[in-house]
């Protein structure tokens, strides 16, 4: 069960990272090719990242952020615990 929870959190983290990058790239008005030219990261690799087929390092994310004129922020926050059915019934 714990292994499944950790796997789900890793997937969510990857999905959130991809979504944040794609949104930031669009907000910057830059194309994959333009970011590629600024970072030296091959455009096909940027495409792989956006399609969830790559797992970028923090260093790579920092390079991408710099190319877009943005800063990379990593945030630690408490995990929201999901309430089970019994807890939900007790709170009603």
C-alpha atoms as a PDB file:
ATOM      1  CA  UNK A   1       0.000   0.000   0.000  1.00  0.00           C
ATOM      2  CA  UNK A   2       2.771   2.476   0.933  1.00  0.00           C
ATOM      3  CA  UNK A   3       4.650   1.614  -2.262  1.00  0.00           C
ATOM      4  CA  UNK A   4       1.489   2.305  -4.289  1.00  0.00           C
ATOM      5  CA  UNK A   5       1.015   5.664  -2.550  1.00  0.00           C
ATOM      6  CA  UNK A   6       4.624   6.645  -3.265  1.00  0.00           C
ATOM      7  CA  UNK A   7       4.252   5.611  -6.907  1.00  0.00           C
ATOM      8  CA  UNK A   8       1.081   7.700  -7.231  1.00  0.00           C
ATOM      9  CA  UNK A   9       2.850  10.707  -5.669  1.00  0.00           C
ATOM     10  CA  UNK A  10       5.776  10.346  -8.083  1.00  0.00           C
ATOM     11  CA  UNK A  11       3.362  10.257 -11.015  1.00  0.00           C
ATOM     12  CA  UNK A  12       1.523  13.323  -9.696  1.00  0.00           C
ATOM     13  CA  UNK A  13       4.810  15.176  -9.200  1.00  0.00           C
ATOM     14  CA  UNK A  14       5.903  14.374 -12.752  1.00  0.00           C
ATOM     15  CA  UNK A  15       2.500  15.385 -14.164  1.00  0.00           C
ATOM     16  CA  UNK A  16       2.519  18.649 -12.194  1.00  0.00           C
ATOM     17  CA  UNK A  17       6.065  19.431 -13.329  1.00  0.00           C
ATOM     18  CA  UNK A  18       5.188  18.816 -16.977  1.00  0.00           C
ATOM     19  CA  UNK A  19       2.019  20.902 -16.697  1.00  0.00           C
ATOM     20  CA  UNK A  20       3.898  23.760 -15.011  1.00  0.00           C
ATOM     21  CA  UNK A  21       6.598  23.748 -17.684  1.00  0.00           C
ATOM     22  CA  UNK A  22       4.139  23.710 -20.596  1.00  0.00           C
ATOM     23  CA  UNK A  23       2.112  26.533 -19.024  1.00  0.00           C
ATOM     24  CA  UNK A  24       5.278  28.557 -18.377  1.00  0.00           C
ATOM     25  CA  UNK A  25       6.515  28.037 -21.938  1.00  0.00           C
ATOM     26  CA  UNK A  26       3.191  29.161 -23.391  1.00  0.00           C
ATOM     27  CA  UNK A  27       3.063  32.139 -21.026  1.00  0.00           C
ATOM     28  CA  UNK A  28       6.561  33.149 -22.140  1.00  0.00           C
ATOM     29  CA  UNK A  29       5.411  33.020 -25.766  1.00  0.00           C
ATOM     30  CA  UNK A  30       8.391  30.856 -26.671  1.00  0.00           C
ATOM     31  CA  UNK A  31       8.436  27.840 -28.944  1.00  0.00           C
ATOM     32  CA  UNK A  32      10.238  24.605 -28.159  1.00  0.00           C
ATOM     33  CA  UNK A  33      12.763  25.549 -30.841  1.00  0.00           C
ATOM     34  CA  UNK A  34      13.471  28.935 -29.244  1.00  0.00           C
ATOM     35  CA  UNK A  35      13.996  27.344 -25.843  1.00  0.00           C
ATOM     36  CA  UNK A  36      16.215  24.748 -27.477  1.00  0.00           C
ATOM     37  CA  UNK A  37      18.371  27.467 -29.026  1.00  0.00           C
ATOM     38  CA  UNK A  38      18.723  29.308 -25.701  1.00  0.00           C
ATOM     39  CA  UNK A  39      19.464  26.238 -23.583  1.00  0.00           C
ATOM     40  CA  UNK A  40      21.302  23.914 -25.933  1.00  0.00           C
ATOM     41  CA  UNK A  41      18.744  21.237 -25.074  1.00  0.00           C
ATOM     42  CA  UNK A  42      17.637  19.494 -28.260  1.00  0.00           C
ATOM     43  CA  UNK A  43      14.092  20.380 -29.349  1.00  0.00           C
ATOM     44  CA  UNK A  44      13.081  16.683 -29.526  1.00  0.00           C
ATOM     45  CA  UNK A  45      14.157  16.341 -25.871  1.00  0.00           C
ATOM     46  CA  UNK A  46      11.955  19.295 -24.917  1.00  0.00           C
ATOM     47  CA  UNK A  47       9.097  17.632 -26.780  1.00  0.00           C
ATOM     48  CA  UNK A  48       9.728  14.378 -24.884  1.00  0.00           C
ATOM     49  CA  UNK A  49       9.579  16.303 -21.616  1.00  0.00           C
ATOM     50  CA  UNK A  50       6.271  17.940 -22.566  1.00  0.00           C
ATOM     51  CA  UNK A  51       4.820  14.571 -23.559  1.00  0.00           C
ATOM     52  CA  UNK A  52       5.833  12.901 -20.292  1.00  0.00           C
ATOM     53  CA  UNK A  53       8.553  10.778 -21.870  1.00  0.00           C
ATOM     54  CA  UNK A  54      11.450  12.352 -19.986  1.00  0.00           C
ATOM     55  CA  UNK A  55      12.304  12.922 -16.349  1.00  0.00           C
ATOM     56  CA  UNK A  56      14.222  16.223 -16.182  1.00  0.00           C
ATOM     57  CA  UNK A  57      16.721  16.970 -13.445  1.00  0.00           C
ATOM     58  CA  UNK A  58      16.414  20.085 -11.318  1.00  0.00           C
ATOM     59  CA  UNK A  59      19.413  21.449 -13.246  1.00  0.00           C
ATOM     60  CA  UNK A  60      17.555  20.975 -16.546  1.00  0.00           C
ATOM     61  CA  UNK A  61      14.423  22.619 -15.160  1.00  0.00           C
ATOM     62  CA  UNK A  62      16.594  25.549 -14.014  1.00  0.00           C
ATOM     63  CA  UNK A  63      18.060  25.915 -17.508  1.00  0.00           C
ATOM     64  CA  UNK A  64      14.559  25.883 -19.007  1.00  0.00           C
ATOM     65  CA  UNK A  65      13.317  28.482 -16.510  1.00  0.00           C
ATOM     66  CA  UNK A  66      16.292  30.755 -17.201  1.00  0.00           C
ATOM     67  CA  UNK A  67      15.679  30.535 -20.950  1.00  0.00           C
ATOM     68  CA  UNK A  68      12.103  31.728 -20.408  1.00  0.00           C
ATOM     69  CA  UNK A  69      13.199  34.570 -18.132  1.00  0.00           C
ATOM     70  CA  UNK A  70      11.659  32.837 -15.133  1.00  0.00           C
ATOM     71  CA  UNK A  71      12.882  31.392 -11.874  1.00  0.00           C
ATOM     72  CA  UNK A  72      12.369  27.828 -10.754  1.00  0.00           C
ATOM     73  CA  UNK A  73      10.769  27.379  -7.342  1.00  0.00           C
ATOM     74  CA  UNK A  74      10.474  24.117  -5.464  1.00  0.00           C
ATOM     75  CA  UNK A  75       7.918  24.044  -2.684  1.00  0.00           C
ATOM     76  CA  UNK A  76       7.543  21.641   0.221  1.00  0.00           C
ATOM     77  CA  UNK A  77       4.094  21.445   1.740  1.00  0.00           C
ATOM     78  CA  UNK A  78       2.145  19.006   3.889  1.00  0.00           C
ATOM     79  CA  UNK A  79       0.387  16.177   2.091  1.00  0.00           C
ATOM     80  CA  UNK A  80      -3.366  16.441   2.251  1.00  0.00           C
ATOM     81  CA  UNK A  81      -4.744  13.293   3.808  1.00  0.00           C
ATOM     82  CA  UNK A  82      -7.790  11.872   2.093  1.00  0.00           C
ATOM     83  CA  UNK A  83     -10.606  11.066   4.470  1.00  0.00           C
ATOM     84  CA  UNK A  84     -12.003   7.576   4.304  1.00  0.00           C
ATOM     85  CA  UNK A  85     -15.747   6.893   4.172  1.00  0.00           C
ATOM     86  CA  UNK A  86     -16.112   6.453   7.949  1.00  0.00           C
ATOM     87  CA  UNK A  87     -14.369   9.770   8.666  1.00  0.00           C
ATOM     88  CA  UNK A  88     -16.587  11.531   6.129  1.00  0.00           C
ATOM     89  CA  UNK A  89     -19.734  10.105   7.726  1.00  0.00           C
ATOM     90  CA  UNK A  90     -18.610  11.154  11.196  1.00  0.00           C
ATOM     91  CA  UNK A  91     -18.035  14.721  10.016  1.00  0.00           C
ATOM     92  CA  UNK A  92     -21.529  15.064   8.547  1.00  0.00           C
END
